[in-house]
N, C-alpha and C. Protein backbone atom coordinates (compact mmCIF):
# COMPACT_ATOMS: atom_id res chain seq x y z
N MET A 1 -18.83 23.91 -5.08
CA MET A 1 -18.62 23.18 -3.84
C MET A 1 -19.19 21.77 -3.91
N ILE A 2 -20.36 21.62 -4.53
CA ILE A 2 -20.99 20.30 -4.61
C ILE A 2 -20.07 19.29 -5.28
N THR A 3 -19.33 19.71 -6.28
CA THR A 3 -18.44 18.78 -6.99
C THR A 3 -17.29 18.30 -6.10
N GLN A 4 -17.04 18.98 -5.00
CA GLN A 4 -15.95 18.62 -4.11
C GLN A 4 -16.40 17.77 -2.91
N THR A 5 -17.67 17.44 -2.84
CA THR A 5 -18.20 16.73 -1.68
C THR A 5 -17.52 15.38 -1.49
N THR A 6 -17.42 14.61 -2.56
CA THR A 6 -16.82 13.27 -2.43
C THR A 6 -15.36 13.35 -1.99
N PRO A 7 -14.51 14.16 -2.62
CA PRO A 7 -13.13 14.24 -2.14
C PRO A 7 -13.02 14.73 -0.69
N ILE A 8 -13.89 15.66 -0.30
CA ILE A 8 -13.85 16.16 1.08
C ILE A 8 -14.20 15.04 2.06
N LEU A 9 -15.23 14.28 1.74
CA LEU A 9 -15.61 13.16 2.63
C LEU A 9 -14.53 12.09 2.68
N LEU A 10 -13.91 11.79 1.56
CA LEU A 10 -12.83 10.80 1.55
C LEU A 10 -11.63 11.30 2.35
N LEU A 11 -11.27 12.56 2.18
CA LEU A 11 -10.16 13.12 2.95
C LEU A 11 -10.49 13.14 4.44
N ALA A 12 -11.75 13.41 4.78
CA ALA A 12 -12.16 13.39 6.19
C ALA A 12 -12.03 11.98 6.77
N LEU A 13 -12.44 10.98 6.01
CA LEU A 13 -12.29 9.59 6.46
C LEU A 13 -10.83 9.26 6.74
N LEU A 14 -9.96 9.64 5.81
CA LEU A 14 -8.53 9.36 5.98
C LEU A 14 -7.94 10.16 7.14
N ALA A 15 -8.35 11.41 7.27
CA ALA A 15 -7.84 12.24 8.36
C ALA A 15 -8.22 11.66 9.72
N VAL A 16 -9.48 11.31 9.89
CA VAL A 16 -9.94 10.72 11.16
C VAL A 16 -9.20 9.42 11.43
N THR A 17 -9.09 8.59 10.41
CA THR A 17 -8.42 7.29 10.57
C THR A 17 -6.99 7.46 11.06
N PHE A 18 -6.23 8.31 10.38
CA PHE A 18 -4.81 8.41 10.69
C PHE A 18 -4.51 9.28 11.91
N LEU A 19 -5.26 10.35 12.11
CA LEU A 19 -5.00 11.18 13.28
C LEU A 19 -5.39 10.45 14.56
N GLN A 20 -6.49 9.70 14.54
CA GLN A 20 -6.87 8.92 15.73
C GLN A 20 -5.85 7.82 15.99
N SER A 21 -5.41 7.16 14.94
CA SER A 21 -4.43 6.09 15.10
C SER A 21 -3.10 6.64 15.63
N GLY A 22 -2.68 7.77 15.09
CA GLY A 22 -1.46 8.40 15.58
C GLY A 22 -1.58 8.82 17.03
N TYR A 23 -2.73 9.40 17.36
CA TYR A 23 -2.98 9.81 18.75
C TYR A 23 -2.90 8.59 19.69
N ASP A 24 -3.49 7.50 19.28
CA ASP A 24 -3.46 6.28 20.09
C ASP A 24 -2.04 5.79 20.30
N LYS A 25 -1.22 5.87 19.26
CA LYS A 25 0.17 5.43 19.38
C LYS A 25 0.94 6.32 20.36
N ILE A 26 0.68 7.62 20.30
CA ILE A 26 1.36 8.55 21.21
C ILE A 26 0.87 8.32 22.65
N LYS A 27 -0.43 8.20 22.82
CA LYS A 27 -1.02 8.06 24.15
C LYS A 27 -0.59 6.77 24.84
N ASP A 28 -0.49 5.68 24.08
CA ASP A 28 -0.15 4.39 24.67
C ASP A 28 1.04 3.77 23.94
N TRP A 29 2.12 4.52 23.85
CA TRP A 29 3.31 4.07 23.14
C TRP A 29 3.81 2.74 23.69
N LYS A 30 3.97 2.67 24.99
CA LYS A 30 4.52 1.47 25.62
C LYS A 30 3.64 0.25 25.36
N GLY A 31 2.35 0.40 25.50
CA GLY A 31 1.42 -0.71 25.26
C GLY A 31 1.45 -1.17 23.81
N ASN A 32 1.52 -0.21 22.89
CA ASN A 32 1.60 -0.56 21.47
C ASN A 32 2.89 -1.30 21.15
N VAL A 33 4.00 -0.82 21.68
CA VAL A 33 5.29 -1.49 21.44
C VAL A 33 5.25 -2.92 21.97
N GLU A 34 4.76 -3.09 23.18
CA GLU A 34 4.71 -4.44 23.77
C GLU A 34 3.82 -5.37 22.96
N TRP A 35 2.63 -4.90 22.57
CA TRP A 35 1.73 -5.76 21.80
C TRP A 35 2.36 -6.11 20.46
N LEU A 36 2.97 -5.12 19.80
CA LEU A 36 3.55 -5.37 18.48
C LEU A 36 4.79 -6.25 18.55
N LYS A 37 5.53 -6.20 19.64
CA LYS A 37 6.67 -7.11 19.79
C LYS A 37 6.19 -8.55 19.75
N GLY A 38 5.08 -8.82 20.40
CA GLY A 38 4.50 -10.16 20.35
C GLY A 38 3.98 -10.49 18.96
N HIS A 39 3.33 -9.52 18.34
CA HIS A 39 2.73 -9.72 17.01
C HIS A 39 3.80 -10.05 15.97
N PHE A 40 4.97 -9.41 16.09
CA PHE A 40 6.04 -9.59 15.11
C PHE A 40 7.20 -10.45 15.62
N ALA A 41 7.01 -11.13 16.75
CA ALA A 41 8.09 -11.87 17.40
C ALA A 41 8.81 -12.84 16.47
N GLU A 42 8.09 -13.52 15.63
CA GLU A 42 8.69 -14.55 14.77
C GLU A 42 8.98 -14.03 13.35
N THR A 43 9.13 -12.72 13.20
CA THR A 43 9.35 -12.15 11.87
C THR A 43 10.66 -11.35 11.83
N ILE A 44 10.99 -10.90 10.65
CA ILE A 44 12.19 -10.07 10.49
C ILE A 44 12.03 -8.71 11.16
N LEU A 45 10.80 -8.33 11.49
CA LEU A 45 10.54 -7.04 12.14
C LEU A 45 10.56 -7.14 13.67
N GLY A 46 10.73 -8.34 14.20
CA GLY A 46 10.63 -8.57 15.64
C GLY A 46 11.50 -7.65 16.48
N LYS A 47 12.72 -7.41 16.06
CA LYS A 47 13.64 -6.57 16.83
C LYS A 47 13.59 -5.11 16.41
N GLN A 48 12.78 -4.81 15.40
CA GLN A 48 12.70 -3.46 14.87
C GLN A 48 11.40 -2.75 15.23
N VAL A 49 10.63 -3.29 16.15
CA VAL A 49 9.29 -2.76 16.44
C VAL A 49 9.30 -1.28 16.82
N PRO A 50 10.12 -0.82 17.75
CA PRO A 50 10.03 0.60 18.11
C PRO A 50 10.30 1.55 16.94
N ILE A 51 11.31 1.26 16.13
CA ILE A 51 11.60 2.15 15.00
C ILE A 51 10.53 2.04 13.93
N ALA A 52 10.03 0.83 13.69
CA ALA A 52 8.97 0.64 12.71
C ALA A 52 7.70 1.38 13.16
N LEU A 53 7.38 1.29 14.45
CA LEU A 53 6.20 1.97 14.98
C LEU A 53 6.37 3.48 14.87
N PHE A 54 7.57 3.98 15.12
CA PHE A 54 7.83 5.41 14.99
C PHE A 54 7.64 5.88 13.54
N ILE A 55 8.13 5.09 12.60
CA ILE A 55 7.97 5.43 11.17
C ILE A 55 6.49 5.47 10.81
N ILE A 56 5.75 4.46 11.27
CA ILE A 56 4.30 4.43 11.00
C ILE A 56 3.61 5.63 11.65
N LEU A 57 4.00 5.95 12.87
CA LEU A 57 3.43 7.11 13.57
C LEU A 57 3.63 8.39 12.75
N ILE A 58 4.84 8.61 12.28
CA ILE A 58 5.14 9.81 11.49
C ILE A 58 4.31 9.81 10.20
N LEU A 59 4.25 8.68 9.52
CA LEU A 59 3.45 8.58 8.29
C LEU A 59 1.98 8.87 8.56
N GLU A 60 1.44 8.32 9.65
CA GLU A 60 0.03 8.54 9.97
C GLU A 60 -0.26 10.00 10.28
N ILE A 61 0.59 10.61 11.08
CA ILE A 61 0.37 12.02 11.45
C ILE A 61 0.44 12.91 10.21
N PHE A 62 1.47 12.71 9.38
CA PHE A 62 1.58 13.52 8.18
C PHE A 62 0.42 13.27 7.22
N SER A 63 0.00 12.01 7.09
CA SER A 63 -1.15 11.70 6.23
C SER A 63 -2.39 12.44 6.72
N GLY A 64 -2.65 12.35 8.02
CA GLY A 64 -3.83 13.01 8.59
C GLY A 64 -3.78 14.52 8.45
N VAL A 65 -2.64 15.11 8.72
CA VAL A 65 -2.50 16.57 8.63
C VAL A 65 -2.66 17.03 7.18
N PHE A 66 -2.05 16.32 6.24
CA PHE A 66 -2.20 16.70 4.84
C PHE A 66 -3.65 16.56 4.39
N CYS A 67 -4.35 15.54 4.88
CA CYS A 67 -5.77 15.38 4.51
C CYS A 67 -6.61 16.53 5.07
N VAL A 68 -6.36 16.92 6.31
CA VAL A 68 -7.08 18.06 6.89
C VAL A 68 -6.76 19.33 6.10
N ALA A 69 -5.48 19.54 5.81
CA ALA A 69 -5.09 20.71 5.03
C ALA A 69 -5.72 20.67 3.64
N GLY A 70 -5.84 19.49 3.07
CA GLY A 70 -6.48 19.34 1.77
C GLY A 70 -7.95 19.71 1.80
N ILE A 71 -8.63 19.36 2.89
CA ILE A 71 -10.04 19.75 3.05
C ILE A 71 -10.14 21.27 3.12
N ILE A 72 -9.28 21.88 3.91
CA ILE A 72 -9.28 23.34 4.03
C ILE A 72 -9.00 23.98 2.67
N GLU A 73 -8.03 23.42 1.95
CA GLU A 73 -7.69 23.95 0.62
C GLU A 73 -8.88 23.84 -0.33
N LEU A 74 -9.59 22.71 -0.30
CA LEU A 74 -10.76 22.55 -1.17
C LEU A 74 -11.84 23.57 -0.83
N PHE A 75 -12.06 23.82 0.46
CA PHE A 75 -13.06 24.80 0.87
C PHE A 75 -12.67 26.23 0.49
N THR A 76 -11.39 26.53 0.57
CA THR A 76 -10.97 27.92 0.38
C THR A 76 -10.59 28.27 -1.04
N THR A 77 -9.97 27.34 -1.77
CA THR A 77 -9.47 27.67 -3.10
C THR A 77 -9.95 26.72 -4.20
N SER A 78 -10.56 25.63 -3.83
CA SER A 78 -10.96 24.56 -4.75
C SER A 78 -9.77 23.88 -5.41
N ASP A 79 -8.57 24.16 -4.94
CA ASP A 79 -7.38 23.48 -5.44
C ASP A 79 -7.30 22.10 -4.78
N THR A 80 -6.62 21.17 -5.43
CA THR A 80 -6.58 19.79 -4.93
C THR A 80 -5.18 19.29 -4.60
N MET A 81 -4.16 20.13 -4.74
CA MET A 81 -2.79 19.65 -4.60
C MET A 81 -2.50 19.05 -3.22
N VAL A 82 -2.82 19.75 -2.16
CA VAL A 82 -2.50 19.27 -0.81
C VAL A 82 -3.32 18.02 -0.49
N GLY A 83 -4.59 18.02 -0.86
CA GLY A 83 -5.42 16.84 -0.65
C GLY A 83 -4.90 15.64 -1.41
N TYR A 84 -4.43 15.89 -2.63
CA TYR A 84 -3.83 14.82 -3.44
C TYR A 84 -2.62 14.22 -2.72
N TYR A 85 -1.74 15.09 -2.22
CA TYR A 85 -0.57 14.60 -1.49
C TYR A 85 -0.99 13.83 -0.23
N GLY A 86 -2.03 14.31 0.44
CA GLY A 86 -2.54 13.61 1.61
C GLY A 86 -3.06 12.23 1.26
N ALA A 87 -3.79 12.13 0.16
CA ALA A 87 -4.33 10.84 -0.28
C ALA A 87 -3.21 9.89 -0.70
N VAL A 88 -2.22 10.41 -1.42
CA VAL A 88 -1.09 9.57 -1.84
C VAL A 88 -0.31 9.09 -0.62
N LEU A 89 -0.03 9.99 0.32
CA LEU A 89 0.68 9.59 1.53
C LEU A 89 -0.13 8.59 2.34
N SER A 90 -1.44 8.74 2.34
CA SER A 90 -2.31 7.77 3.02
C SER A 90 -2.16 6.39 2.37
N CYS A 91 -2.11 6.35 1.05
CA CYS A 91 -1.93 5.07 0.36
C CYS A 91 -0.57 4.45 0.70
N ILE A 92 0.46 5.27 0.74
CA ILE A 92 1.79 4.77 1.09
C ILE A 92 1.78 4.22 2.52
N THR A 93 1.16 4.94 3.43
CA THR A 93 1.05 4.50 4.82
C THR A 93 0.33 3.16 4.90
N LEU A 94 -0.75 3.04 4.18
CA LEU A 94 -1.52 1.79 4.18
C LEU A 94 -0.71 0.64 3.59
N ILE A 95 0.11 0.91 2.60
CA ILE A 95 0.97 -0.13 2.02
C ILE A 95 1.99 -0.58 3.05
N PHE A 96 2.56 0.34 3.81
CA PHE A 96 3.48 -0.03 4.89
C PHE A 96 2.77 -0.92 5.91
N LEU A 97 1.56 -0.51 6.30
CA LEU A 97 0.79 -1.31 7.26
C LEU A 97 0.45 -2.68 6.70
N LEU A 98 0.07 -2.73 5.43
CA LEU A 98 -0.23 -4.00 4.78
C LEU A 98 0.99 -4.90 4.76
N PHE A 99 2.14 -4.34 4.44
CA PHE A 99 3.39 -5.10 4.44
C PHE A 99 3.62 -5.74 5.81
N GLY A 100 3.45 -4.96 6.87
CA GLY A 100 3.64 -5.50 8.21
C GLY A 100 2.68 -6.63 8.53
N GLN A 101 1.43 -6.46 8.17
CA GLN A 101 0.44 -7.51 8.46
C GLN A 101 0.73 -8.76 7.66
N ARG A 102 1.17 -8.61 6.44
CA ARG A 102 1.51 -9.79 5.63
C ARG A 102 2.75 -10.49 6.19
N ILE A 103 3.74 -9.72 6.63
CA ILE A 103 4.94 -10.31 7.24
C ILE A 103 4.55 -11.11 8.48
N ALA A 104 3.62 -10.56 9.27
CA ALA A 104 3.18 -11.23 10.51
C ALA A 104 2.18 -12.35 10.22
N LYS A 105 1.84 -12.53 8.96
CA LYS A 105 0.85 -13.53 8.54
C LYS A 105 -0.50 -13.31 9.21
N ASP A 106 -0.82 -12.03 9.43
CA ASP A 106 -2.13 -11.65 9.97
C ASP A 106 -3.00 -11.27 8.77
N TYR A 107 -3.58 -12.27 8.15
CA TYR A 107 -4.32 -12.06 6.92
C TYR A 107 -5.64 -11.32 7.15
N ASP A 108 -6.25 -11.51 8.30
CA ASP A 108 -7.46 -10.73 8.62
C ASP A 108 -7.12 -9.25 8.77
N GLY A 109 -6.01 -8.96 9.43
CA GLY A 109 -5.56 -7.58 9.57
C GLY A 109 -5.22 -6.97 8.22
N ALA A 110 -4.58 -7.77 7.35
CA ALA A 110 -4.24 -7.28 6.01
C ALA A 110 -5.51 -6.97 5.22
N ARG A 111 -6.50 -7.82 5.36
CA ARG A 111 -7.77 -7.61 4.66
C ARG A 111 -8.42 -6.30 5.12
N THR A 112 -8.35 -6.02 6.39
CA THR A 112 -8.90 -4.78 6.92
C THR A 112 -8.20 -3.56 6.32
N ILE A 113 -6.90 -3.64 6.17
CA ILE A 113 -6.15 -2.52 5.59
C ILE A 113 -6.57 -2.27 4.15
N VAL A 114 -6.83 -3.33 3.41
CA VAL A 114 -7.27 -3.18 2.02
C VAL A 114 -8.61 -2.44 1.97
N ILE A 115 -9.45 -2.66 2.96
CA ILE A 115 -10.73 -1.95 3.02
C ILE A 115 -10.50 -0.44 3.10
N TYR A 116 -9.47 -0.01 3.81
CA TYR A 116 -9.13 1.41 3.88
C TYR A 116 -8.44 1.89 2.60
N PHE A 117 -7.73 0.98 1.95
CA PHE A 117 -6.98 1.36 0.76
C PHE A 117 -7.92 1.76 -0.39
N VAL A 118 -9.06 1.10 -0.50
CA VAL A 118 -9.99 1.38 -1.60
C VAL A 118 -10.43 2.85 -1.61
N PRO A 119 -10.96 3.40 -0.48
CA PRO A 119 -11.30 4.82 -0.54
C PRO A 119 -10.08 5.74 -0.69
N ALA A 120 -8.93 5.31 -0.17
CA ALA A 120 -7.72 6.14 -0.30
C ALA A 120 -7.30 6.24 -1.76
N ILE A 121 -7.31 5.14 -2.47
CA ILE A 121 -6.90 5.18 -3.88
C ILE A 121 -7.97 5.91 -4.71
N PHE A 122 -9.22 5.81 -4.31
CA PHE A 122 -10.28 6.56 -4.99
C PHE A 122 -10.07 8.07 -4.79
N ALA A 123 -9.64 8.45 -3.59
CA ALA A 123 -9.34 9.87 -3.34
C ALA A 123 -8.19 10.33 -4.23
N VAL A 124 -7.16 9.50 -4.37
CA VAL A 124 -6.06 9.86 -5.27
C VAL A 124 -6.59 10.08 -6.68
N PHE A 125 -7.43 9.18 -7.14
CA PHE A 125 -8.01 9.28 -8.49
C PHE A 125 -8.80 10.58 -8.65
N LEU A 126 -9.67 10.87 -7.68
CA LEU A 126 -10.52 12.06 -7.79
C LEU A 126 -9.73 13.36 -7.71
N LEU A 127 -8.65 13.35 -6.96
CA LEU A 127 -7.89 14.59 -6.73
C LEU A 127 -6.76 14.79 -7.74
N SER A 128 -6.52 13.79 -8.57
CA SER A 128 -5.39 13.92 -9.54
C SER A 128 -5.82 14.68 -10.78
């Protein structure tokens, strides 16, 4: 079990990050859409905000659920397959978010996403 502490903590970080973010999108869908329409108004994503937000929501929820399932799998079987998929999906989700921030020229927001990407890619490494 001790050897699995780091992957479990990394998966927990990713699960909390994405499940809370997904919950926020569901709880305040209208507010998120309105804010993002302004954020992306001058970009190629300006008219695609609702569908883009829906795609991100689905990616976040699946990332979070796979990370939670990966934690359970590590505790019960010491297998890493589900956690690995959760970490990989988390990285893909973060790349989508990074793409959006770069398109919007929100470089501070993009920098923040990279901060999350580092532990996510480390989780992929540890679980592969």
